[in-house]
Amino acid sequence: MSAKAISEQTGKELLYKYICTTSAIQNRFKGVDVGDVDAKAQNLLVGVDEKLNTEDIKRCLLVHTPEDKKEILASFISGLLNFYEDLYFTYLEINPLVVTKDDVYILDLAAKVDGMADYICKVKWGDIEFPPPFGREAYPEEAYIADLDAKSGASLKLTLLNPKGQIWTMVAGGGASNVYSDTICDLGGVIELANYGEYLGAPSEEQTYD
């Protein structure tokens, strides 16, 4: 889950401001020469609620960039972080990137988004299919709830952990459902925990019944 989603869903905003940051990394080594990113790249840590300043970008990330490319690249990186946060990305890597006098071209990109933000970003994301949990095919019940979720503005989730278990949960809110599941495990009920489920974002009465 992204730091932004954790902060919003748990309400522990001050805590996560302190321990969760986004790292903006710029590496002048391209393609197969990237090598050890931690050793070669420039880093700029950005707090959850902070905005990137273009001057900080130039100073921390673009020290090896030609002067005539710094302004457009700094603007691009600043906008990219806004885009990253707005669409709840958890990972985004661009390699390579081509910068001309007037434009920035992304030639290849790898990214991951936070599936827990589906009810927030569904319209912006468009048609995204998330893989079934734990690398297996979805149970019919999971597929049914996933179909309801896709048609709803709310967030409806069901993961079957042990269909023969005796403890079944249905808790409103992702944060609360996590706490309940953790508590059940802490009290020794992990073997009997049958599912993980949540519903939030004001689902209709019919959707909640289903």
N, C-alpha and C. Protein backbone atom coordinates (compact mmCIF):
# COMPACT_ATOMS: atom_id res chain seq x y z
N MET A 1 0.85 -1.19 0.00
CA MET A 1 0.00 0.00 0.00
C MET A 1 0.89 1.24 0.00
N SER A 2 0.50 2.29 -0.74
CA SER A 2 1.31 3.49 -0.81
C SER A 2 1.25 4.25 0.51
N ALA A 3 2.27 5.06 0.76
CA ALA A 3 2.30 5.85 1.99
C ALA A 3 1.09 6.77 2.08
N LYS A 4 0.67 7.32 0.93
CA LYS A 4 -0.48 8.22 0.92
C LYS A 4 -1.75 7.49 1.32
N ALA A 5 -1.94 6.27 0.79
CA ALA A 5 -3.13 5.50 1.12
C ALA A 5 -3.11 5.08 2.59
N ILE A 6 -1.94 4.68 3.10
CA ILE A 6 -1.82 4.31 4.51
C ILE A 6 -2.21 5.49 5.39
N SER A 7 -1.69 6.65 5.05
CA SER A 7 -1.95 7.84 5.84
C SER A 7 -3.45 8.16 5.86
N GLU A 8 -4.11 8.04 4.71
CA GLU A 8 -5.53 8.39 4.63
C GLU A 8 -6.41 7.35 5.30
N GLN A 9 -6.09 6.06 5.13
CA GLN A 9 -6.97 5.01 5.61
C GLN A 9 -6.82 4.76 7.11
N THR A 10 -5.64 5.00 7.68
CA THR A 10 -5.44 4.71 9.09
C THR A 10 -5.61 5.94 9.98
N GLY A 11 -5.52 7.12 9.38
CA GLY A 11 -5.63 8.33 10.18
C GLY A 11 -4.35 8.65 10.93
N LYS A 12 -3.29 7.83 10.79
CA LYS A 12 -2.05 8.06 11.51
C LYS A 12 -1.16 8.99 10.66
N GLU A 13 -1.70 10.16 10.35
CA GLU A 13 -1.06 11.03 9.39
C GLU A 13 0.31 11.49 9.86
N LEU A 14 0.40 11.94 11.12
CA LEU A 14 1.66 12.47 11.61
C LEU A 14 2.73 11.39 11.64
N LEU A 15 2.36 10.18 12.05
CA LEU A 15 3.31 9.07 12.10
C LEU A 15 3.86 8.77 10.71
N TYR A 16 2.98 8.69 9.72
CA TYR A 16 3.43 8.31 8.39
C TYR A 16 4.11 9.46 7.65
N LYS A 17 3.85 10.68 8.07
CA LYS A 17 4.62 11.79 7.52
C LYS A 17 6.09 11.61 7.88
N TYR A 18 6.31 11.05 9.07
CA TYR A 18 7.67 10.93 9.56
C TYR A 18 8.41 9.74 8.96
N ILE A 19 7.73 8.59 8.85
CA ILE A 19 8.46 7.38 8.45
C ILE A 19 8.30 7.01 6.98
N CYS A 20 7.33 7.60 6.27
CA CYS A 20 7.11 7.23 4.87
C CYS A 20 7.49 8.38 3.96
N THR A 21 8.35 8.12 3.01
CA THR A 21 8.75 9.14 2.06
C THR A 21 8.74 8.56 0.66
N THR A 22 8.64 9.44 -0.30
CA THR A 22 8.80 9.06 -1.69
C THR A 22 10.20 9.47 -2.11
N SER A 23 10.86 8.62 -2.83
CA SER A 23 12.22 8.92 -3.27
C SER A 23 12.23 9.21 -4.77
N ALA A 24 12.64 10.42 -5.12
CA ALA A 24 12.82 10.77 -6.53
C ALA A 24 14.28 10.52 -6.88
N ILE A 25 14.52 9.67 -7.86
CA ILE A 25 15.88 9.26 -8.21
C ILE A 25 16.18 9.62 -9.66
N GLN A 26 17.33 10.21 -9.88
CA GLN A 26 17.77 10.50 -11.24
C GLN A 26 19.14 9.86 -11.43
N ASN A 27 19.26 9.03 -12.47
CA ASN A 27 20.51 8.34 -12.73
C ASN A 27 20.97 8.69 -14.15
N ARG A 28 22.19 9.21 -14.26
CA ARG A 28 22.70 9.61 -15.58
C ARG A 28 23.18 8.41 -16.39
N PHE A 29 23.34 7.24 -15.76
CA PHE A 29 23.78 6.05 -16.48
C PHE A 29 22.57 5.37 -17.09
N LYS A 30 22.65 5.00 -18.35
CA LYS A 30 21.49 4.52 -19.10
C LYS A 30 21.58 3.02 -19.36
N GLY A 31 20.39 2.43 -19.69
CA GLY A 31 20.31 1.06 -20.20
C GLY A 31 21.07 0.06 -19.36
N VAL A 32 21.93 -0.75 -20.02
CA VAL A 32 22.66 -1.81 -19.32
C VAL A 32 23.76 -1.25 -18.43
N ASP A 33 24.04 0.06 -18.53
CA ASP A 33 25.08 0.67 -17.72
C ASP A 33 24.55 1.24 -16.41
N VAL A 34 23.26 1.01 -16.12
CA VAL A 34 22.67 1.57 -14.91
C VAL A 34 23.42 1.07 -13.68
N GLY A 35 23.65 -0.24 -13.60
CA GLY A 35 24.45 -0.81 -12.51
C GLY A 35 23.81 -0.61 -11.15
N ASP A 36 24.62 -0.28 -10.16
CA ASP A 36 24.16 -0.10 -8.78
C ASP A 36 23.52 1.28 -8.65
N VAL A 37 22.20 1.30 -8.67
CA VAL A 37 21.47 2.57 -8.63
C VAL A 37 21.76 3.33 -7.34
N ASP A 38 21.80 2.62 -6.21
CA ASP A 38 22.03 3.28 -4.92
C ASP A 38 23.38 4.01 -4.90
N ALA A 39 24.36 3.44 -5.58
CA ALA A 39 25.69 4.03 -5.58
C ALA A 39 25.84 5.15 -6.60
N LYS A 40 25.14 5.06 -7.72
CA LYS A 40 25.36 6.00 -8.82
C LYS A 40 24.33 7.12 -8.90
N ALA A 41 23.13 6.89 -8.42
CA ALA A 41 22.04 7.84 -8.63
C ALA A 41 22.03 8.96 -7.59
N GLN A 42 21.41 10.08 -7.98
CA GLN A 42 21.14 11.16 -7.04
C GLN A 42 19.74 10.96 -6.47
N ASN A 43 19.59 11.19 -5.17
CA ASN A 43 18.32 10.97 -4.50
C ASN A 43 17.80 12.24 -3.87
N LEU A 44 16.49 12.36 -3.86
CA LEU A 44 15.83 13.46 -3.15
C LEU A 44 14.60 12.89 -2.47
N LEU A 45 14.61 12.84 -1.14
CA LEU A 45 13.48 12.29 -0.39
C LEU A 45 12.41 13.36 -0.22
N VAL A 46 11.16 12.96 -0.45
CA VAL A 46 10.03 13.90 -0.41
C VAL A 46 9.00 13.37 0.58
N GLY A 47 8.65 14.17 1.58
CA GLY A 47 7.64 13.77 2.56
C GLY A 47 6.28 13.60 1.91
N VAL A 48 5.39 12.88 2.60
CA VAL A 48 4.07 12.53 2.04
C VAL A 48 3.29 13.76 1.60
N ASP A 49 3.28 14.80 2.40
CA ASP A 49 2.49 15.99 2.07
C ASP A 49 3.33 17.12 1.48
N GLU A 50 4.58 16.85 1.17
CA GLU A 50 5.44 17.89 0.62
C GLU A 50 5.35 17.94 -0.90
N LYS A 51 5.64 19.11 -1.45
CA LYS A 51 5.69 19.29 -2.89
C LYS A 51 7.14 19.52 -3.31
N LEU A 52 7.48 19.00 -4.47
CA LEU A 52 8.84 19.17 -4.98
C LEU A 52 9.06 20.60 -5.46
N ASN A 53 10.16 21.18 -5.04
CA ASN A 53 10.56 22.50 -5.51
C ASN A 53 11.54 22.31 -6.66
N THR A 54 11.31 23.02 -7.77
CA THR A 54 12.17 22.81 -8.95
C THR A 54 13.63 23.17 -8.66
N GLU A 55 13.85 24.12 -7.76
CA GLU A 55 15.23 24.47 -7.42
C GLU A 55 15.92 23.34 -6.67
N ASP A 56 15.16 22.66 -5.78
CA ASP A 56 15.71 21.50 -5.07
C ASP A 56 16.01 20.37 -6.05
N ILE A 57 15.14 20.22 -7.05
CA ILE A 57 15.36 19.18 -8.06
C ILE A 57 16.66 19.44 -8.82
N LYS A 58 16.85 20.68 -9.22
CA LYS A 58 18.08 21.03 -9.96
C LYS A 58 19.31 20.80 -9.09
N ARG A 59 19.20 21.19 -7.82
CA ARG A 59 20.35 21.12 -6.93
C ARG A 59 20.70 19.68 -6.54
N CYS A 60 19.67 18.84 -6.32
CA CYS A 60 19.91 17.48 -5.80
C CYS A 60 19.95 16.40 -6.88
N LEU A 61 19.15 16.57 -7.94
CA LEU A 61 19.01 15.50 -8.92
C LEU A 61 19.69 15.78 -10.26
N LEU A 62 19.87 17.04 -10.59
CA LEU A 62 20.33 17.37 -11.94
C LEU A 62 21.73 17.96 -11.97
N VAL A 63 22.56 17.52 -11.05
CA VAL A 63 23.90 18.08 -10.95
C VAL A 63 24.76 17.76 -12.18
N HIS A 64 24.44 16.67 -12.89
CA HIS A 64 25.22 16.28 -14.06
C HIS A 64 24.49 16.60 -15.37
N THR A 65 23.37 17.31 -15.27
CA THR A 65 22.56 17.62 -16.44
C THR A 65 23.01 18.93 -17.08
N PRO A 66 23.10 18.98 -18.42
CA PRO A 66 23.46 20.24 -19.10
C PRO A 66 22.52 21.37 -18.71
N GLU A 67 23.05 22.56 -18.58
CA GLU A 67 22.27 23.71 -18.11
C GLU A 67 21.02 23.96 -18.94
N ASP A 68 21.12 23.77 -20.27
CA ASP A 68 19.97 24.08 -21.13
C ASP A 68 18.85 23.05 -21.02
N LYS A 69 19.10 21.94 -20.30
CA LYS A 69 18.08 20.91 -20.13
C LYS A 69 17.49 20.90 -18.71
N LYS A 70 18.09 21.63 -17.80
CA LYS A 70 17.69 21.55 -16.39
C LYS A 70 16.26 22.04 -16.15
N GLU A 71 15.90 23.15 -16.76
CA GLU A 71 14.58 23.74 -16.49
C GLU A 71 13.45 22.81 -16.92
N ILE A 72 13.52 22.30 -18.14
CA ILE A 72 12.45 21.45 -18.65
C ILE A 72 12.41 20.11 -17.90
N LEU A 73 13.58 19.60 -17.53
CA LEU A 73 13.61 18.33 -16.82
C LEU A 73 13.14 18.48 -15.39
N ALA A 74 13.47 19.59 -14.74
CA ALA A 74 13.00 19.84 -13.38
C ALA A 74 11.48 19.97 -13.35
N SER A 75 10.93 20.67 -14.34
CA SER A 75 9.48 20.80 -14.45
C SER A 75 8.82 19.44 -14.68
N PHE A 76 9.44 18.61 -15.51
CA PHE A 76 8.92 17.28 -15.79
C PHE A 76 8.90 16.42 -14.52
N ILE A 77 9.99 16.42 -13.76
CA ILE A 77 10.07 15.61 -12.55
C ILE A 77 9.06 16.07 -11.51
N SER A 78 8.89 17.37 -11.37
CA SER A 78 7.91 17.92 -10.43
C SER A 78 6.50 17.47 -10.81
N GLY A 79 6.16 17.59 -12.09
CA GLY A 79 4.85 17.15 -12.55
C GLY A 79 4.67 15.66 -12.43
N LEU A 80 5.76 14.91 -12.64
CA LEU A 80 5.70 13.45 -12.54
C LEU A 80 5.35 13.01 -11.12
N LEU A 81 5.92 13.68 -10.11
CA LEU A 81 5.60 13.31 -8.73
C LEU A 81 4.13 13.61 -8.42
N ASN A 82 3.62 14.74 -8.92
CA ASN A 82 2.19 15.05 -8.72
C ASN A 82 1.32 13.96 -9.34
N PHE A 83 1.70 13.55 -10.54
CA PHE A 83 1.00 12.47 -11.25
C PHE A 83 1.08 11.17 -10.45
N TYR A 84 2.26 10.87 -9.92
CA TYR A 84 2.52 9.66 -9.12
C TYR A 84 1.60 9.61 -7.90
N GLU A 85 1.48 10.73 -7.20
CA GLU A 85 0.66 10.78 -5.99
C GLU A 85 -0.83 10.77 -6.33
N ASP A 86 -1.21 11.49 -7.36
CA ASP A 86 -2.62 11.61 -7.72
C ASP A 86 -3.21 10.27 -8.13
N LEU A 87 -2.42 9.42 -8.80
CA LEU A 87 -2.90 8.12 -9.27
C LEU A 87 -2.46 6.97 -8.38
N TYR A 88 -1.96 7.28 -7.20
CA TYR A 88 -1.60 6.27 -6.19
C TYR A 88 -0.64 5.20 -6.73
N PHE A 89 0.42 5.66 -7.36
CA PHE A 89 1.48 4.73 -7.74
C PHE A 89 2.25 4.30 -6.49
N THR A 90 2.79 3.09 -6.52
CA THR A 90 3.70 2.64 -5.47
C THR A 90 5.11 2.47 -6.03
N TYR A 91 5.23 2.46 -7.34
CA TYR A 91 6.53 2.29 -7.99
C TYR A 91 6.42 2.85 -9.41
N LEU A 92 7.45 3.58 -9.84
CA LEU A 92 7.47 4.08 -11.20
C LEU A 92 8.93 4.28 -11.62
N GLU A 93 9.31 3.63 -12.69
CA GLU A 93 10.68 3.74 -13.20
C GLU A 93 10.65 4.03 -14.69
N ILE A 94 11.39 5.05 -15.10
CA ILE A 94 11.50 5.41 -16.52
C ILE A 94 12.95 5.17 -16.95
N ASN A 95 13.14 4.35 -17.95
CA ASN A 95 14.49 4.08 -18.45
C ASN A 95 14.38 3.46 -19.85
N PRO A 96 14.78 4.21 -20.91
CA PRO A 96 15.45 5.51 -20.87
C PRO A 96 14.47 6.67 -21.04
N LEU A 97 15.02 7.86 -20.85
CA LEU A 97 14.28 9.11 -21.00
C LEU A 97 15.08 10.01 -21.94
N VAL A 98 14.41 10.59 -22.92
CA VAL A 98 15.10 11.48 -23.87
C VAL A 98 14.61 12.90 -23.65
N VAL A 99 15.55 13.81 -23.46
CA VAL A 99 15.22 15.21 -23.23
C VAL A 99 15.79 16.06 -24.35
N THR A 100 14.91 16.79 -25.03
CA THR A 100 15.35 17.74 -26.06
C THR A 100 15.18 19.16 -25.50
N LYS A 101 15.39 20.14 -26.35
CA LYS A 101 15.26 21.52 -25.89
C LYS A 101 13.84 21.84 -25.44
N ASP A 102 12.85 21.25 -26.12
CA ASP A 102 11.46 21.63 -25.86
C ASP A 102 10.59 20.52 -25.29
N ASP A 103 11.07 19.27 -25.32
CA ASP A 103 10.20 18.16 -24.94
C ASP A 103 10.96 17.10 -24.15
N VAL A 104 10.15 16.28 -23.44
CA VAL A 104 10.67 15.10 -22.73
C VAL A 104 9.94 13.89 -23.28
N TYR A 105 10.69 12.86 -23.69
CA TYR A 105 10.11 11.67 -24.28
C TYR A 105 10.40 10.45 -23.40
N ILE A 106 9.33 9.75 -23.01
CA ILE A 106 9.47 8.51 -22.24
C ILE A 106 9.52 7.35 -23.23
N LEU A 107 10.66 6.66 -23.27
CA LEU A 107 10.81 5.55 -24.21
C LEU A 107 10.40 4.22 -23.60
N ASP A 108 10.56 4.07 -22.30
CA ASP A 108 10.14 2.83 -21.63
C ASP A 108 9.83 3.15 -20.17
N LEU A 109 8.81 2.48 -19.64
CA LEU A 109 8.36 2.79 -18.29
C LEU A 109 7.81 1.53 -17.63
N ALA A 110 8.13 1.34 -16.36
CA ALA A 110 7.55 0.27 -15.55
C ALA A 110 6.91 0.89 -14.32
N ALA A 111 5.72 0.44 -13.95
CA ALA A 111 5.01 1.07 -12.83
C ALA A 111 4.09 0.08 -12.14
N LYS A 112 3.80 0.39 -10.87
CA LYS A 112 2.81 -0.36 -10.10
C LYS A 112 1.90 0.65 -9.41
N VAL A 113 0.61 0.31 -9.33
CA VAL A 113 -0.33 1.16 -8.61
C VAL A 113 -0.86 0.43 -7.39
N ASP A 114 -1.39 1.19 -6.45
CA ASP A 114 -1.90 0.64 -5.20
C ASP A 114 -3.33 0.14 -5.42
N GLY A 115 -3.51 -1.18 -5.43
CA GLY A 115 -4.83 -1.75 -5.67
C GLY A 115 -5.87 -1.33 -4.65
N MET A 116 -5.43 -0.96 -3.44
CA MET A 116 -6.37 -0.53 -2.40
C MET A 116 -7.01 0.82 -2.73
N ALA A 117 -6.45 1.54 -3.69
CA ALA A 117 -7.00 2.85 -4.08
C ALA A 117 -7.94 2.72 -5.26
N ASP A 118 -8.35 1.51 -5.59
CA ASP A 118 -9.20 1.29 -6.76
C ASP A 118 -10.48 2.11 -6.72
N TYR A 119 -11.09 2.21 -5.52
CA TYR A 119 -12.37 2.93 -5.43
C TYR A 119 -12.18 4.44 -5.60
N ILE A 120 -10.95 4.92 -5.42
CA ILE A 120 -10.66 6.34 -5.60
C ILE A 120 -10.29 6.65 -7.04
N CYS A 121 -9.50 5.76 -7.64
CA CYS A 121 -8.88 6.04 -8.94
C CYS A 121 -9.48 5.27 -10.11
N LYS A 122 -10.56 4.57 -9.88
CA LYS A 122 -11.12 3.70 -10.92
C LYS A 122 -11.31 4.45 -12.24
N VAL A 123 -11.89 5.64 -12.19
CA VAL A 123 -12.16 6.40 -13.42
C VAL A 123 -10.85 6.85 -14.07
N LYS A 124 -9.90 7.31 -13.27
CA LYS A 124 -8.62 7.79 -13.81
C LYS A 124 -7.79 6.64 -14.38
N TRP A 125 -7.80 5.51 -13.70
CA TRP A 125 -7.01 4.36 -14.15
C TRP A 125 -7.55 3.75 -15.44
N GLY A 126 -8.88 3.76 -15.57
CA GLY A 126 -9.46 3.06 -16.71
C GLY A 126 -9.56 1.57 -16.43
N ASP A 127 -9.49 0.77 -17.45
CA ASP A 127 -9.71 -0.67 -17.34
C ASP A 127 -8.41 -1.37 -16.95
N ILE A 128 -8.22 -1.59 -15.65
CA ILE A 128 -7.04 -2.28 -15.14
C ILE A 128 -7.47 -3.61 -14.51
N GLU A 129 -6.81 -4.67 -14.89
CA GLU A 129 -7.07 -5.98 -14.28
C GLU A 129 -5.94 -6.32 -13.33
N PHE A 130 -6.28 -6.50 -12.04
CA PHE A 130 -5.28 -6.89 -11.06
C PHE A 130 -5.19 -8.42 -11.01
N PRO A 131 -3.99 -8.95 -10.84
CA PRO A 131 -3.85 -10.41 -10.77
C PRO A 131 -4.51 -10.95 -9.52
N PRO A 132 -4.98 -12.20 -9.54
CA PRO A 132 -5.58 -12.79 -8.33
C PRO A 132 -4.55 -12.89 -7.22
N PRO A 133 -5.00 -12.86 -5.94
CA PRO A 133 -4.06 -12.88 -4.82
C PRO A 133 -3.31 -14.19 -4.72
N PHE A 134 -2.08 -14.12 -4.21
CA PHE A 134 -1.27 -15.29 -3.88
C PHE A 134 -0.96 -16.14 -5.10
N GLY A 135 -1.00 -15.57 -6.31
CA GLY A 135 -0.60 -16.28 -7.50
C GLY A 135 -1.48 -17.45 -7.88
N ARG A 136 -2.75 -17.42 -7.52
CA ARG A 136 -3.67 -18.51 -7.86
C ARG A 136 -4.89 -17.95 -8.57
N GLU A 137 -5.68 -18.84 -9.15
CA GLU A 137 -6.93 -18.43 -9.77
C GLU A 137 -7.93 -18.02 -8.69
N ALA A 138 -8.76 -17.04 -8.99
CA ALA A 138 -9.74 -16.57 -8.02
C ALA A 138 -10.83 -17.61 -7.80
N TYR A 139 -11.28 -17.73 -6.54
CA TYR A 139 -12.46 -18.54 -6.24
C TYR A 139 -13.68 -17.87 -6.88
N PRO A 140 -14.73 -18.63 -7.17
CA PRO A 140 -15.94 -18.02 -7.75
C PRO A 140 -16.48 -16.88 -6.90
N GLU A 141 -16.44 -17.05 -5.57
CA GLU A 141 -16.93 -16.01 -4.67
C GLU A 141 -16.08 -14.74 -4.79
N GLU A 142 -14.77 -14.91 -4.91
CA GLU A 142 -13.88 -13.76 -5.07
C GLU A 142 -14.14 -13.06 -6.40
N ALA A 143 -14.33 -13.85 -7.44
CA ALA A 143 -14.60 -13.28 -8.76
C ALA A 143 -15.92 -12.51 -8.75
N TYR A 144 -16.91 -13.03 -8.01
CA TYR A 144 -18.22 -12.36 -7.93
C TYR A 144 -18.08 -11.00 -7.25
N ILE A 145 -17.35 -10.96 -6.13
CA ILE A 145 -17.17 -9.69 -5.42
C ILE A 145 -16.32 -8.73 -6.26
N ALA A 146 -15.31 -9.26 -6.96
CA ALA A 146 -14.48 -8.41 -7.82
C ALA A 146 -15.32 -7.78 -8.93
N ASP A 147 -16.30 -8.54 -9.44
CA ASP A 147 -17.19 -8.01 -10.48
C ASP A 147 -18.08 -6.91 -9.91
N LEU A 148 -18.59 -7.13 -8.68
CA LEU A 148 -19.37 -6.08 -8.01
C LEU A 148 -18.52 -4.83 -7.80
N ASP A 149 -17.29 -5.05 -7.39
CA ASP A 149 -16.37 -3.95 -7.12
C ASP A 149 -16.12 -3.12 -8.38
N ALA A 150 -15.98 -3.82 -9.51
CA ALA A 150 -15.71 -3.14 -10.78
C ALA A 150 -16.88 -2.27 -11.22
N LYS A 151 -18.09 -2.63 -10.79
CA LYS A 151 -19.29 -1.88 -11.20
C LYS A 151 -19.70 -0.84 -10.18
N SER A 152 -18.96 -0.76 -9.08
CA SER A 152 -19.35 0.13 -7.99
C SER A 152 -18.35 1.25 -7.83
N GLY A 153 -18.80 2.36 -7.31
CA GLY A 153 -17.89 3.44 -6.94
C GLY A 153 -17.27 3.20 -5.58
N ALA A 154 -17.77 2.19 -4.88
CA ALA A 154 -17.24 1.83 -3.56
C ALA A 154 -16.10 0.82 -3.72
N SER A 155 -15.51 0.43 -2.61
CA SER A 155 -14.46 -0.59 -2.61
C SER A 155 -14.98 -1.83 -1.92
N LEU A 156 -15.06 -2.93 -2.66
CA LEU A 156 -15.57 -4.21 -2.13
C LEU A 156 -14.49 -5.26 -2.36
N LYS A 157 -14.02 -5.89 -1.29
CA LYS A 157 -12.92 -6.84 -1.40
C LYS A 157 -13.24 -8.13 -0.66
N LEU A 158 -12.83 -9.24 -1.26
CA LEU A 158 -12.95 -10.54 -0.60
C LEU A 158 -11.78 -11.41 -1.02
N THR A 159 -11.05 -11.92 -0.04
CA THR A 159 -10.00 -12.90 -0.28
C THR A 159 -10.25 -14.10 0.62
N LEU A 160 -10.38 -15.27 0.03
CA LEU A 160 -10.57 -16.49 0.81
C LEU A 160 -9.21 -17.03 1.22
N LEU A 161 -9.00 -17.15 2.52
CA LEU A 161 -7.74 -17.64 3.06
C LEU A 161 -7.82 -19.13 3.39
N ASN A 162 -8.94 -19.52 3.99
CA ASN A 162 -9.17 -20.92 4.37
C ASN A 162 -10.68 -21.17 4.33
N PRO A 163 -11.19 -21.65 3.20
CA PRO A 163 -12.64 -21.84 3.06
C PRO A 163 -13.26 -22.74 4.14
N LYS A 164 -12.45 -23.56 4.79
CA LYS A 164 -12.98 -24.43 5.85
C LYS A 164 -12.82 -23.81 7.24
N GLY A 165 -12.30 -22.59 7.29
CA GLY A 165 -12.13 -21.92 8.58
C GLY A 165 -13.47 -21.56 9.21
N GLN A 166 -13.44 -21.32 10.51
CA GLN A 166 -14.67 -21.03 11.25
C GLN A 166 -14.82 -19.55 11.60
N ILE A 167 -13.82 -18.74 11.32
CA ILE A 167 -13.90 -17.31 11.63
C ILE A 167 -14.00 -16.53 10.33
N TRP A 168 -15.16 -15.92 10.12
CA TRP A 168 -15.39 -15.12 8.91
C TRP A 168 -15.60 -13.67 9.32
N THR A 169 -14.98 -12.76 8.60
CA THR A 169 -15.08 -11.34 8.96
C THR A 169 -15.69 -10.54 7.81
N MET A 170 -16.42 -9.49 8.17
CA MET A 170 -16.86 -8.50 7.19
C MET A 170 -16.85 -7.16 7.90
N VAL A 171 -15.79 -6.42 7.71
CA VAL A 171 -15.59 -5.19 8.46
C VAL A 171 -15.50 -4.02 7.49
N ALA A 172 -16.27 -2.95 7.79
CA ALA A 172 -16.23 -1.77 6.94
C ALA A 172 -14.90 -1.05 7.13
N GLY A 173 -14.23 -0.75 6.02
CA GLY A 173 -13.00 0.03 6.08
C GLY A 173 -11.76 -0.83 6.02
N GLY A 174 -10.83 -0.46 5.13
CA GLY A 174 -9.60 -1.23 4.97
C GLY A 174 -8.75 -1.24 6.23
N GLY A 175 -8.66 -0.10 6.92
CA GLY A 175 -7.87 -0.04 8.14
C GLY A 175 -8.43 -0.93 9.23
N ALA A 176 -9.76 -0.85 9.44
CA ALA A 176 -10.40 -1.66 10.48
C ALA A 176 -10.29 -3.15 10.18
N SER A 177 -10.47 -3.52 8.92
CA SER A 177 -10.40 -4.94 8.56
C SER A 177 -9.00 -5.49 8.79
N ASN A 178 -7.98 -4.67 8.54
CA ASN A 178 -6.61 -5.11 8.82
C ASN A 178 -6.39 -5.33 10.31
N VAL A 179 -6.90 -4.40 11.13
CA VAL A 179 -6.74 -4.50 12.58
C VAL A 179 -7.45 -5.74 13.11
N TYR A 180 -8.68 -5.99 12.63
CA TYR A 180 -9.42 -7.17 13.07
C TYR A 180 -8.69 -8.45 12.70
N SER A 181 -8.20 -8.52 11.47
CA SER A 181 -7.49 -9.73 11.03
C SER A 181 -6.22 -9.95 11.85
N ASP A 182 -5.48 -8.87 12.10
CA ASP A 182 -4.26 -8.98 12.92
C ASP A 182 -4.59 -9.44 14.33
N THR A 183 -5.69 -8.91 14.90
CA THR A 183 -6.09 -9.28 16.26
C THR A 183 -6.47 -10.76 16.34
N ILE A 184 -7.20 -11.23 15.33
CA ILE A 184 -7.58 -12.65 15.30
C ILE A 184 -6.33 -13.52 15.28
N CYS A 185 -5.35 -13.14 14.48
CA CYS A 185 -4.10 -13.91 14.41
C CYS A 185 -3.33 -13.84 15.72
N ASP A 186 -3.29 -12.64 16.34
CA ASP A 186 -2.59 -12.47 17.61
C ASP A 186 -3.19 -13.33 18.72
N LEU A 187 -4.52 -13.56 18.64
CA LEU A 187 -5.21 -14.36 19.66
C LEU A 187 -5.20 -15.85 19.33
N GLY A 188 -4.43 -16.23 18.31
CA GLY A 188 -4.27 -17.65 18.00
C GLY A 188 -5.27 -18.21 17.02
N GLY A 189 -6.01 -17.34 16.32
CA GLY A 189 -7.04 -17.82 15.42
C GLY A 189 -6.63 -17.90 13.97
N VAL A 190 -5.32 -17.83 13.68
CA VAL A 190 -4.87 -17.74 12.30
C VAL A 190 -5.30 -18.95 11.47
N ILE A 191 -5.31 -20.14 12.07
CA ILE A 191 -5.69 -21.35 11.33
C ILE A 191 -7.16 -21.33 10.95
N GLU A 192 -7.98 -20.70 11.79
CA GLU A 192 -9.42 -20.68 11.55
C GLU A 192 -9.88 -19.43 10.79
N LEU A 193 -8.97 -18.51 10.49
CA LEU A 193 -9.37 -17.29 9.77
C LEU A 193 -9.69 -17.64 8.32
N ALA A 194 -10.94 -17.51 7.96
CA ALA A 194 -11.42 -17.99 6.66
C ALA A 194 -11.22 -16.99 5.54
N ASN A 195 -11.25 -15.70 5.86
CA ASN A 195 -11.26 -14.71 4.78
C ASN A 195 -10.71 -13.37 5.22
N TYR A 196 -10.44 -12.55 4.23
CA TYR A 196 -10.23 -11.12 4.47
C TYR A 196 -11.27 -10.40 3.63
N GLY A 197 -12.03 -9.52 4.26
CA GLY A 197 -13.06 -8.80 3.52
C GLY A 197 -13.18 -7.37 3.99
N GLU A 198 -13.61 -6.50 3.09
CA GLU A 198 -13.84 -5.11 3.47
C GLU A 198 -14.87 -4.50 2.53
N TYR A 199 -15.56 -3.50 3.03
CA TYR A 199 -16.41 -2.69 2.16
C TYR A 199 -16.37 -1.27 2.69
N LEU A 200 -16.04 -0.34 1.80
CA LEU A 200 -15.97 1.06 2.17
C LEU A 200 -16.28 1.92 0.95
N GLY A 201 -16.39 3.21 1.17
CA GLY A 201 -16.74 4.10 0.07
C GLY A 201 -18.24 4.19 -0.16
N ALA A 202 -19.02 3.94 0.91
CA ALA A 202 -20.48 4.06 0.87
C ALA A 202 -21.14 3.18 -0.20
N PRO A 203 -20.96 1.84 -0.13
CA PRO A 203 -21.67 0.97 -1.07
C PRO A 203 -23.17 1.02 -0.79
N SER A 204 -23.99 0.71 -1.78
CA SER A 204 -25.44 0.71 -1.60
C SER A 204 -25.85 -0.45 -0.69
N GLU A 205 -27.09 -0.40 -0.23
CA GLU A 205 -27.61 -1.49 0.63
C GLU A 205 -27.58 -2.81 -0.10
N GLU A 206 -27.93 -2.80 -1.40
CA GLU A 206 -27.93 -4.04 -2.20
C GLU A 206 -26.53 -4.60 -2.35
N GLN A 207 -25.55 -3.72 -2.60
CA GLN A 207 -24.17 -4.17 -2.75
C GLN A 207 -23.65 -4.75 -1.43
N THR A 208 -24.00 -4.10 -0.31
CA THR A 208 -23.57 -4.60 0.99
C THR A 208 -24.19 -5.97 1.27
N TYR A 209 -25.44 -6.15 0.89
CA TYR A 209 -26.11 -7.45 1.07
C TYR A 209 -25.42 -8.53 0.26
N ASP A 210 -25.10 -8.21 -1.00
CA ASP A 210 -24.41 -9.19 -1.86
C ASP A 210 -23.06 -9.57 -1.28
